[in-house]
Full PDB file with SEQRES, HELIX, SHEET, SSBOND, CRYST1, ORIGX, SCALE, CONECT and MASTER records, all heavy atoms in Angstrom:
SEQRES   1 A   39  LEU LEU ASP ALA ALA ARG ALA MET ASN ASN ALA LEU LEU          
SEQRES   2 A   39  LEU LEU GLY PRO THR THR LEU ALA ASP ALA ASP ARG ILE          
SEQRES   3 A   39  SER VAL VAL VAL ALA GLN HIS THR GLN ILE ALA GLU ALA          
HELIX    1 AA1 LEU A    2  LEU A   13  1                                  12    
HELIX    2 AA2 ALA A   23  GLU A   38  1                                  16    
CRYST1    1.000    1.000    1.000  90.00  90.00  90.00 P 1           1          
ORIGX1      1.000000  0.000000  0.000000        0.00000                         
ORIGX2      0.000000  1.000000  0.000000        0.00000                         
ORIGX3      0.000000  0.000000  1.000000        0.00000                         
SCALE1      1.000000  0.000000  0.000000        0.00000                         
SCALE2      0.000000  1.000000  0.000000        0.00000                         
SCALE3      0.000000  0.000000  1.000000        0.00000                         
ATOM      1  N   LEU A   1     143.713  38.994 103.050  1.00  0.00           N  
ATOM      2  CA  LEU A   1     143.071  37.690 102.894  1.00  0.00           C  
ATOM      3  C   LEU A   1     143.141  37.236 101.441  1.00  0.00           C  
ATOM      4  O   LEU A   1     143.428  36.068 101.146  1.00  0.00           O  
ATOM      5  CB  LEU A   1     141.616  37.770 103.362  1.00  0.00           C  
ATOM      6  CG  LEU A   1     140.793  36.475 103.299  1.00  0.00           C  
ATOM      7  CD1 LEU A   1     141.379  35.415 104.221  1.00  0.00           C  
ATOM      8  CD2 LEU A   1     139.340  36.754 103.659  1.00  0.00           C  
ATOM      9  N   LEU A   2     142.916  38.168 100.521  1.00  0.00           N  
ATOM     10  CA  LEU A   2     142.985  37.850  99.099  1.00  0.00           C  
ATOM     11  C   LEU A   2     144.400  37.443  98.704  1.00  0.00           C  
ATOM     12  O   LEU A   2     144.590  36.496  97.931  1.00  0.00           O  
ATOM     13  CB  LEU A   2     142.529  39.062  98.279  1.00  0.00           C  
ATOM     14  CG  LEU A   2     142.341  38.848  96.776  1.00  0.00           C  
ATOM     15  CD1 LEU A   2     141.339  37.737  96.496  1.00  0.00           C  
ATOM     16  CD2 LEU A   2     141.891  40.144  96.115  1.00  0.00           C  
ATOM     17  N   ASP A   3     145.400  38.123  99.242  1.00  0.00           N  
ATOM     18  CA  ASP A   3     146.794  37.766  98.955  1.00  0.00           C  
ATOM     19  C   ASP A   3     147.110  36.364  99.456  1.00  0.00           C  
ATOM     20  O   ASP A   3     147.814  35.598  98.794  1.00  0.00           O  
ATOM     21  CB  ASP A   3     147.744  38.772  99.607  1.00  0.00           C  
ATOM     22  CG  ASP A   3     147.783  40.106  98.881  1.00  0.00           C  
ATOM     23  OD1 ASP A   3     147.320  40.160  97.730  1.00  0.00           O  
ATOM     24  OD2 ASP A   3     148.273  41.081  99.465  1.00  0.00           O  
ATOM     25  N   ALA A   4     146.588  36.020 100.630  1.00  0.00           N  
ATOM     26  CA  ALA A   4     146.816  34.682 101.185  1.00  0.00           C  
ATOM     27  C   ALA A   4     146.187  33.611 100.289  1.00  0.00           C  
ATOM     28  O   ALA A   4     146.767  32.541 100.077  1.00  0.00           O  
ATOM     29  CB  ALA A   4     146.253  34.592 102.594  1.00  0.00           C  
ATOM     30  N   ALA A   5     145.009  33.918  99.762  1.00  0.00           N  
ATOM     31  CA  ALA A   5     144.337  32.968  98.862  1.00  0.00           C  
ATOM     32  C   ALA A   5     145.124  32.797  97.572  1.00  0.00           C  
ATOM     33  O   ALA A   5     145.255  31.679  97.055  1.00  0.00           O  
ATOM     34  CB  ALA A   5     142.928  33.460  98.555  1.00  0.00           C  
ATOM     35  N   ARG A   6     145.655  33.886  97.048  1.00  0.00           N  
ATOM     36  CA  ARG A   6     146.460  33.808  95.823  1.00  0.00           C  
ATOM     37  C   ARG A   6     147.704  32.966  96.043  1.00  0.00           C  
ATOM     38  O   ARG A   6     148.103  32.176  95.188  1.00  0.00           O  
ATOM     39  CB  ARG A   6     146.855  35.211  95.375  1.00  0.00           C  
ATOM     40  CG  ARG A   6     145.724  36.014  94.753  1.00  0.00           C  
ATOM     41  CD  ARG A   6     146.138  37.445  94.532  1.00  0.00           C  
ATOM     42  NE  ARG A   6     145.084  38.233  93.902  1.00  0.00           N  
ATOM     43  CZ  ARG A   6     144.977  39.545  94.013  1.00  0.00           C  
ATOM     44  NH1 ARG A   6     145.865  40.230  94.738  1.00  0.00           N  
ATOM     45  NH2 ARG A   6     143.985  40.187  93.412  1.00  0.00           N  
ATOM     46  N   ALA A   7     148.327  33.130  97.202  1.00  0.00           N  
ATOM     47  CA  ALA A   7     149.535  32.364  97.516  1.00  0.00           C  
ATOM     48  C   ALA A   7     149.248  30.871  97.587  1.00  0.00           C  
ATOM     49  O   ALA A   7     150.130  30.041  97.344  1.00  0.00           O  
ATOM     50  CB  ALA A   7     150.134  32.854  98.826  1.00  0.00           C  
ATOM     51  N   MET A   8     148.012  30.508  97.916  1.00  0.00           N  
ATOM     52  CA  MET A   8     147.631  29.103  98.034  1.00  0.00           C  
ATOM     53  C   MET A   8     147.288  28.482  96.676  1.00  0.00           C  
ATOM     54  O   MET A   8     147.250  27.253  96.533  1.00  0.00           O  
ATOM     55  CB  MET A   8     146.420  28.985  98.974  1.00  0.00           C  
ATOM     56  CG  MET A   8     146.082  27.572  99.390  1.00  0.00           C  
ATOM     57  SD  MET A   8     144.765  27.560 100.648  1.00  0.00           S  
ATOM     58  CE  MET A   8     143.466  28.449  99.771  1.00  0.00           C  
ATOM     59  N   ASN A   9     147.060  29.315  95.668  1.00  0.00           N  
ATOM     60  CA  ASN A   9     146.601  28.819  94.373  1.00  0.00           C  
ATOM     61  C   ASN A   9     147.587  27.851  93.724  1.00  0.00           C  
ATOM     62  O   ASN A   9     147.174  26.896  93.057  1.00  0.00           O  
ATOM     63  CB  ASN A   9     146.309  29.979  93.426  1.00  0.00           C  
ATOM     64  CG  ASN A   9     144.985  30.640  93.726  1.00  0.00           C  
ATOM     65  OD1 ASN A   9     144.150  30.072  94.431  1.00  0.00           O  
ATOM     66  ND2 ASN A   9     144.779  31.838  93.209  1.00  0.00           N  
ATOM     67  N   ASN A  10     148.888  28.098  93.889  1.00  0.00           N  
ATOM     68  CA  ASN A  10     149.872  27.193  93.302  1.00  0.00           C  
ATOM     69  C   ASN A  10     149.710  25.780  93.836  1.00  0.00           C  
ATOM     70  O   ASN A  10     149.792  24.804  93.078  1.00  0.00           O  
ATOM     71  CB  ASN A  10     151.288  27.690  93.580  1.00  0.00           C  
ATOM     72  CG  ASN A  10     151.659  28.892  92.732  1.00  0.00           C  
ATOM     73  OD1 ASN A  10     150.939  29.261  91.809  1.00  0.00           O  
ATOM     74  ND2 ASN A  10     152.795  29.494  93.044  1.00  0.00           N  
ATOM     75  N   ALA A  11     149.493  25.666  95.128  1.00  0.00           N  
ATOM     76  CA  ALA A  11     149.304  24.340  95.727  1.00  0.00           C  
ATOM     77  C   ALA A  11     148.032  23.679  95.200  1.00  0.00           C  
ATOM     78  O   ALA A  11     147.997  22.459  94.986  1.00  0.00           O  
ATOM     79  CB  ALA A  11     149.256  24.446  97.248  1.00  0.00           C  
ATOM     80  N   LEU A  12     146.999  24.468  94.966  1.00  0.00           N  
ATOM     81  CA  LEU A  12     145.743  23.908  94.452  1.00  0.00           C  
ATOM     82  C   LEU A  12     145.925  23.293  93.069  1.00  0.00           C  
ATOM     83  O   LEU A  12     145.217  22.349  92.700  1.00  0.00           O  
ATOM     84  CB  LEU A  12     144.661  24.995  94.414  1.00  0.00           C  
ATOM     85  CG  LEU A  12     144.219  25.556  95.769  1.00  0.00           C  
ATOM     86  CD1 LEU A  12     143.180  26.654  95.569  1.00  0.00           C  
ATOM     87  CD2 LEU A  12     143.678  24.466  96.667  1.00  0.00           C  
ATOM     88  N   LEU A  13     146.877  23.817  92.294  1.00  0.00           N  
ATOM     89  CA  LEU A  13     147.144  23.262  90.970  1.00  0.00           C  
ATOM     90  C   LEU A  13     147.649  21.821  91.049  1.00  0.00           C  
ATOM     91  O   LEU A  13     147.536  21.065  90.090  1.00  0.00           O  
ATOM     92  CB  LEU A  13     148.193  24.113  90.234  1.00  0.00           C  
ATOM     93  CG  LEU A  13     147.798  25.531  89.831  1.00  0.00           C  
ATOM     94  CD1 LEU A  13     148.995  26.243  89.221  1.00  0.00           C  
ATOM     95  CD2 LEU A  13     146.633  25.511  88.857  1.00  0.00           C  
ATOM     96  N   LEU A  14     148.215  21.459  92.196  1.00  0.00           N  
ATOM     97  CA  LEU A  14     148.829  20.150  92.347  1.00  0.00           C  
ATOM     98  C   LEU A  14     147.849  19.081  92.819  1.00  0.00           C  
ATOM     99  O   LEU A  14     148.234  17.945  93.048  1.00  0.00           O  
ATOM    100  CB  LEU A  14     150.001  20.245  93.340  1.00  0.00           C  
ATOM    101  CG  LEU A  14     151.079  21.271  92.979  1.00  0.00           C  
ATOM    102  CD1 LEU A  14     152.142  21.329  94.066  1.00  0.00           C  
ATOM    103  CD2 LEU A  14     151.709  20.956  91.633  1.00  0.00           C  
ATOM    104  N   LEU A  15     146.578  19.452  92.954  1.00  0.00           N  
ATOM    105  CA  LEU A  15     145.575  18.491  93.423  1.00  0.00           C  
ATOM    106  C   LEU A  15     145.212  17.466  92.351  1.00  0.00           C  
ATOM    107  O   LEU A  15     144.714  16.392  92.660  1.00  0.00           O  
ATOM    108  CB  LEU A  15     144.313  19.218  93.888  1.00  0.00           C  
ATOM    109  CG  LEU A  15     144.430  19.965  95.213  1.00  0.00           C  
ATOM    110  CD1 LEU A  15     143.161  20.769  95.486  1.00  0.00           C  
ATOM    111  CD2 LEU A  15     144.700  18.995  96.364  1.00  0.00           C  
ATOM    112  N   GLY A  16     145.430  17.820  91.090  1.00  0.00           N  
ATOM    113  CA  GLY A  16     145.106  16.875  90.030  1.00  0.00           C  
ATOM    114  C   GLY A  16     143.702  17.072  89.485  1.00  0.00           C  
ATOM    115  O   GLY A  16     143.102  18.143  89.653  1.00  0.00           O  
ATOM    116  N   PRO A  17     143.137  16.048  88.838  1.00  0.00           N  
ATOM    117  CA  PRO A  17     141.834  16.174  88.181  1.00  0.00           C  
ATOM    118  C   PRO A  17     140.740  16.654  89.124  1.00  0.00           C  
ATOM    119  O   PRO A  17     140.742  16.346  90.313  1.00  0.00           O  
ATOM    120  CB  PRO A  17     141.550  14.742  87.697  1.00  0.00           C  
ATOM    121  CG  PRO A  17     142.886  14.093  87.606  1.00  0.00           C  
ATOM    122  CD  PRO A  17     143.705  14.692  88.693  1.00  0.00           C  
ATOM    123  N   THR A  18     139.817  17.419  88.586  1.00  0.00           N  
ATOM    124  CA  THR A  18     138.709  17.928  89.381  1.00  0.00           C  
ATOM    125  C   THR A  18     137.845  16.793  89.928  1.00  0.00           C  
ATOM    126  O   THR A  18     137.752  15.713  89.317  1.00  0.00           O  
ATOM    127  CB  THR A  18     137.825  18.864  88.539  1.00  0.00           C  
ATOM    128  OG1 THR A  18     136.716  19.299  89.322  1.00  0.00           O  
ATOM    129  CG2 THR A  18     137.294  18.162  87.297  1.00  0.00           C  
ATOM    130  N   THR A  19     137.229  17.037  91.076  1.00  0.00           N  
ATOM    131  CA  THR A  19     136.281  16.056  91.624  1.00  0.00           C  
ATOM    132  C   THR A  19     134.874  16.277  91.068  1.00  0.00           C  
ATOM    133  O   THR A  19     133.960  15.518  91.391  1.00  0.00           O  
ATOM    134  CB  THR A  19     136.235  16.146  93.164  1.00  0.00           C  
ATOM    135  OG1 THR A  19     135.774  17.444  93.546  1.00  0.00           O  
ATOM    136  CG2 THR A  19     137.603  15.888  93.767  1.00  0.00           C  
ATOM    137  N   LEU A  20     134.704  17.318  90.248  1.00  0.00           N  
ATOM    138  CA  LEU A  20     133.367  17.617  89.695  1.00  0.00           C  
ATOM    139  C   LEU A  20     133.114  16.783  88.439  1.00  0.00           C  
ATOM    140  O   LEU A  20     132.867  17.306  87.356  1.00  0.00           O  
ATOM    141  CB  LEU A  20     133.259  19.119  89.372  1.00  0.00           C  
ATOM    142  CG  LEU A  20     133.565  20.087  90.507  1.00  0.00           C  
ATOM    143  CD1 LEU A  20     133.338  21.519  90.061  1.00  0.00           C  
ATOM    144  CD2 LEU A  20     132.703  19.774  91.716  1.00  0.00           C  
ATOM    145  N   ALA A  21     133.178  15.475  88.619  1.00  0.00           N  
ATOM    146  CA  ALA A  21     133.148  14.591  87.459  1.00  0.00           C  
ATOM    147  C   ALA A  21     131.810  13.904  87.230  1.00  0.00           C  
ATOM    148  O   ALA A  21     131.658  13.146  86.276  1.00  0.00           O  
ATOM    149  CB  ALA A  21     134.245  13.528  87.593  1.00  0.00           C  
ATOM    150  N   ASP A  22     130.819  14.145  88.075  1.00  0.00           N  
ATOM    151  CA  ASP A  22     129.524  13.506  87.865  1.00  0.00           C  
ATOM    152  C   ASP A  22     128.401  14.399  88.368  1.00  0.00           C  
ATOM    153  O   ASP A  22     128.638  15.358  89.121  1.00  0.00           O  
ATOM    154  CB  ASP A  22     129.464  12.132  88.549  1.00  0.00           C  
ATOM    155  CG  ASP A  22     129.695  12.218  90.055  1.00  0.00           C  
ATOM    156  OD1 ASP A  22     128.821  12.760  90.755  1.00  0.00           O  
ATOM    157  OD2 ASP A  22     130.748  11.756  90.523  1.00  0.00           O  
ATOM    158  N   ALA A  23     127.193  14.099  87.947  1.00  0.00           N  
ATOM    159  CA  ALA A  23     126.032  14.941  88.252  1.00  0.00           C  
ATOM    160  C   ALA A  23     125.759  15.017  89.750  1.00  0.00           C  
ATOM    161  O   ALA A  23     125.377  16.073  90.267  1.00  0.00           O  
ATOM    162  CB  ALA A  23     124.804  14.403  87.516  1.00  0.00           C  
ATOM    163  N   ASP A  24     125.951  13.903  90.464  1.00  0.00           N  
ATOM    164  CA  ASP A  24     125.700  13.908  91.902  1.00  0.00           C  
ATOM    165  C   ASP A  24     126.636  14.867  92.625  1.00  0.00           C  
ATOM    166  O   ASP A  24     126.217  15.603  93.532  1.00  0.00           O  
ATOM    167  CB  ASP A  24     125.866  12.493  92.475  1.00  0.00           C  
ATOM    168  CG  ASP A  24     124.754  11.562  92.034  1.00  0.00           C  
ATOM    169  OD1 ASP A  24     123.695  12.068  91.606  1.00  0.00           O  
ATOM    170  OD2 ASP A  24     124.936  10.329  92.120  1.00  0.00           O  
ATOM    171  N   ARG A  25     127.895  14.850  92.242  1.00  0.00           N  
ATOM    172  CA  ARG A  25     128.869  15.739  92.872  1.00  0.00           C  
ATOM    173  C   ARG A  25     128.535  17.200  92.571  1.00  0.00           C  
ATOM    174  O   ARG A  25     128.603  18.058  93.462  1.00  0.00           O  
ATOM    175  CB  ARG A  25     130.274  15.401  92.362  1.00  0.00           C  
ATOM    176  CG  ARG A  25     131.371  16.365  92.821  1.00  0.00           C  
ATOM    177  CD  ARG A  25     131.603  16.284  94.308  1.00  0.00           C  
ATOM    178  NE  ARG A  25     132.671  17.175  94.719  1.00  0.00           N  
ATOM    179  CZ  ARG A  25     132.590  18.044  95.709  1.00  0.00           C  
ATOM    180  NH1 ARG A  25     131.492  18.130  96.433  1.00  0.00           N  
ATOM    181  NH2 ARG A  25     133.607  18.821  96.011  1.00  0.00           N  
ATOM    182  N   ILE A  26     128.166  17.496  91.323  1.00  0.00           N  
ATOM    183  CA  ILE A  26     127.779  18.859  90.949  1.00  0.00           C  
ATOM    184  C   ILE A  26     126.590  19.315  91.797  1.00  0.00           C  
ATOM    185  O   ILE A  26     126.554  20.451  92.289  1.00  0.00           O  
ATOM    186  CB  ILE A  26     127.412  18.938  89.453  1.00  0.00           C  
ATOM    187  CG1 ILE A  26     128.655  18.719  88.581  1.00  0.00           C  
ATOM    188  CG2 ILE A  26     126.768  20.277  89.131  1.00  0.00           C  
ATOM    189  CD1 ILE A  26     129.617  19.875  88.558  1.00  0.00           C  
ATOM    190  N   SER A  27     125.618  18.439  91.991  1.00  0.00           N  
ATOM    191  CA  SER A  27     124.422  18.791  92.776  1.00  0.00           C  
ATOM    192  C   SER A  27     124.785  19.165  94.207  1.00  0.00           C  
ATOM    193  O   SER A  27     124.244  20.113  94.773  1.00  0.00           O  
ATOM    194  CB  SER A  27     123.435  17.623  92.777  1.00  0.00           C  
ATOM    195  OG  SER A  27     122.954  17.373  91.479  1.00  0.00           O  
ATOM    196  N   VAL A  28     125.700  18.394  94.796  1.00  0.00           N  
ATOM    197  CA  VAL A  28     126.134  18.679  96.169  1.00  0.00           C  
ATOM    198  C   VAL A  28     126.830  20.041  96.236  1.00  0.00           C  
ATOM    199  O   VAL A  28     126.558  20.856  97.125  1.00  0.00           O  
ATOM    200  CB  VAL A  28     127.084  17.571  96.676  1.00  0.00           C  
ATOM    201  CG1 VAL A  28     127.732  17.979  97.999  1.00  0.00           C  
ATOM    202  CG2 VAL A  28     126.334  16.259  96.842  1.00  0.00           C  
ATOM    203  N   VAL A  29     127.719  20.289  95.281  1.00  0.00           N  
ATOM    204  CA  VAL A  29     128.460  21.559  95.255  1.00  0.00           C  
ATOM    205  C   VAL A  29     127.500  22.732  95.108  1.00  0.00           C  
ATOM    206  O   VAL A  29     127.593  23.730  95.838  1.00  0.00           O  
ATOM    207  CB  VAL A  29     129.495  21.558  94.109  1.00  0.00           C  
ATOM    208  CG1 VAL A  29     130.051  22.957  93.880  1.00  0.00           C  
ATOM    209  CG2 VAL A  29     130.634  20.602  94.431  1.00  0.00           C  
ATOM    210  N   VAL A  30     126.592  22.636  94.167  1.00  0.00           N  
ATOM    211  CA  VAL A  30     125.646  23.725  93.929  1.00  0.00           C  
ATOM    212  C   VAL A  30     124.786  23.980  95.160  1.00  0.00           C  
ATOM    213  O   VAL A  30     124.549  25.132  95.549  1.00  0.00           O  
ATOM    214  CB  VAL A  30     124.770  23.415  92.692  1.00  0.00           C  
ATOM    215  CG1 VAL A  30     123.619  24.408  92.574  1.00  0.00           C  
ATOM    216  CG2 VAL A  30     125.626  23.458  91.422  1.00  0.00           C  
ATOM    217  N   ALA A  31     124.327  22.912  95.806  1.00  0.00           N  
ATOM    218  CA  ALA A  31     123.489  23.060  97.006  1.00  0.00           C  
ATOM    219  C   ALA A  31     124.275  23.722  98.138  1.00  0.00           C  
ATOM    220  O   ALA A  31     123.758  24.605  98.835  1.00  0.00           O  
ATOM    221  CB  ALA A  31     122.974  21.696  97.452  1.00  0.00           C  
ATOM    222  N   GLN A  32     125.524  23.323  98.312  1.00  0.00           N  
ATOM    223  CA  GLN A  32     126.332  23.912  99.380  1.00  0.00           C  
ATOM    224  C   GLN A  32     126.695  25.368  99.065  1.00  0.00           C  
ATOM    225  O   GLN A  32     126.723  26.208  99.963  1.00  0.00           O  
ATOM    226  CB  GLN A  32     127.589  23.079  99.613  1.00  0.00           C  
ATOM    227  CG  GLN A  32     127.280  21.715 100.231  1.00  0.00           C  
ATOM    228  CD  GLN A  32     128.526  20.926 100.580  1.00  0.00           C  
ATOM    229  OE1 GLN A  32     129.558  21.032  99.926  1.00  0.00           O  
ATOM    230  NE2 GLN A  32     128.436  20.108 101.631  1.00  0.00           N  
ATOM    231  N   HIS A  33     126.963  25.650  97.807  1.00  0.00           N  
ATOM    232  CA  HIS A  33     127.203  27.040  97.403  1.00  0.00           C  
ATOM    233  C   HIS A  33     125.981  27.911  97.707  1.00  0.00           C  
ATOM    234  O   HIS A  33     126.111  29.063  98.137  1.00  0.00           O  
ATOM    235  CB  HIS A  33     127.523  27.116  95.911  1.00  0.00           C  
ATOM    236  CG  HIS A  33     128.919  26.718  95.573  1.00  0.00           C  
ATOM    237  ND1 HIS A  33     129.389  26.723  94.273  1.00  0.00           N  
ATOM    238  CD2 HIS A  33     129.956  26.318  96.349  1.00  0.00           C  
ATOM    239  CE1 HIS A  33     130.644  26.335  94.272  1.00  0.00           C  
ATOM    240  NE2 HIS A  33     131.017  26.076  95.507  1.00  0.00           N  
ATOM    241  N   THR A  34     124.805  27.356  97.447  1.00  0.00           N  
ATOM    242  CA  THR A  34     123.570  28.100  97.710  1.00  0.00           C  
ATOM    243  C   THR A  34     123.448  28.444  99.190  1.00  0.00           C  
ATOM    244  O   THR A  34     123.065  29.566  99.556  1.00  0.00           O  
ATOM    245  CB  THR A  34     122.346  27.277  97.259  1.00  0.00           C  
ATOM    246  OG1 THR A  34     122.433  27.042  95.844  1.00  0.00           O  
ATOM    247  CG2 THR A  34     121.049  28.014  97.564  1.00  0.00           C  
ATOM    248  N   GLN A  35     123.790  27.492 100.052  1.00  0.00           N  
ATOM    249  CA  GLN A  35     123.742  27.744 101.497  1.00  0.00           C  
ATOM    250  C   GLN A  35     124.708  28.860 101.892  1.00  0.00           C  
ATOM    251  O   GLN A  35     124.372  29.730 102.711  1.00  0.00           O  
ATOM    252  CB  GLN A  35     124.077  26.456 102.257  1.00  0.00           C  
ATOM    253  CG  GLN A  35     123.011  25.380 102.132  1.00  0.00           C  
ATOM    254  CD  GLN A  35     123.442  24.062 102.773  1.00  0.00           C  
ATOM    255  OE1 GLN A  35     124.618  23.850 103.041  1.00  0.00           O  
ATOM    256  NE2 GLN A  35     122.478  23.181 103.016  1.00  0.00           N  
ATOM    257  N   ILE A  36     125.905  28.841 101.314  1.00  0.00           N  
ATOM    258  CA  ILE A  36     126.892  29.882 101.623  1.00  0.00           C  
ATOM    259  C   ILE A  36     126.374  31.243 101.162  1.00  0.00           C  
ATOM    260  O   ILE A  36     126.405  32.224 101.908  1.00  0.00           O  
ATOM    261  CB  ILE A  36     128.237  29.572 100.936  1.00  0.00           C  
ATOM    262  CG1 ILE A  36     128.844  28.277 101.477  1.00  0.00           C  
ATOM    263  CG2 ILE A  36     129.226  30.733 101.148  1.00  0.00           C  
ATOM    264  CD1 ILE A  36     130.037  27.770 100.688  1.00  0.00           C  
ATOM    265  N   ALA A  37     125.876  31.298  99.920  1.00  0.00           N  
ATOM    266  CA  ALA A  37     125.399  32.565  99.355  1.00  0.00           C  
ATOM    267  C   ALA A  37     124.206  33.107 100.129  1.00  0.00           C  
ATOM    268  O   ALA A  37     124.103  34.329 100.352  1.00  0.00           O  
ATOM    269  CB  ALA A  37     125.038  32.366  97.876  1.00  0.00           C  
ATOM    270  N   GLU A  38     123.306  32.236 100.532  1.00  0.00           N  
ATOM    271  CA  GLU A  38     122.130  32.688 101.285  1.00  0.00           C  
ATOM    272  C   GLU A  38     122.529  33.262 102.641  1.00  0.00           C  
ATOM    273  O   GLU A  38     121.971  34.265 103.098  1.00  0.00           O  
ATOM    274  CB  GLU A  38     121.142  31.530 101.456  1.00  0.00           C  
ATOM    275  CG  GLU A  38     120.415  31.177 100.161  1.00  0.00           C  
ATOM    276  CD  GLU A  38     119.472  29.996 100.327  1.00  0.00           C  
ATOM    277  OE1 GLU A  38     119.570  29.298 101.379  1.00  0.00           O  
ATOM    278  OE2 GLU A  38     118.646  29.752  99.423  1.00  0.00           O  
ATOM    279  N   ALA A  39     123.497  32.635 103.302  1.00  0.00           N  
ATOM    280  CA  ALA A  39     123.968  33.145 104.593  1.00  0.00           C  
ATOM    281  C   ALA A  39     124.658  34.493 104.420  1.00  0.00           C  
ATOM    282  O   ALA A  39     124.463  35.405 105.234  1.00  0.00           O  
ATOM    283  CB  ALA A  39     124.918  32.135 105.243  1.00  0.00           C  
TER     284      ALA A  39                                                      
MASTER        0    0    0    2    0    0    0    6  283    1    0    3          
END                                                                             
């Protein structure tokens, strides 16, 4: 699974600028990460 994720990393580089460009977006990401970690 880790190897598959590494193979996908090159494609992720082509996405362009990050979407984490404002406080609202950061808040959503952090909240969703918290849900994943808690589960």
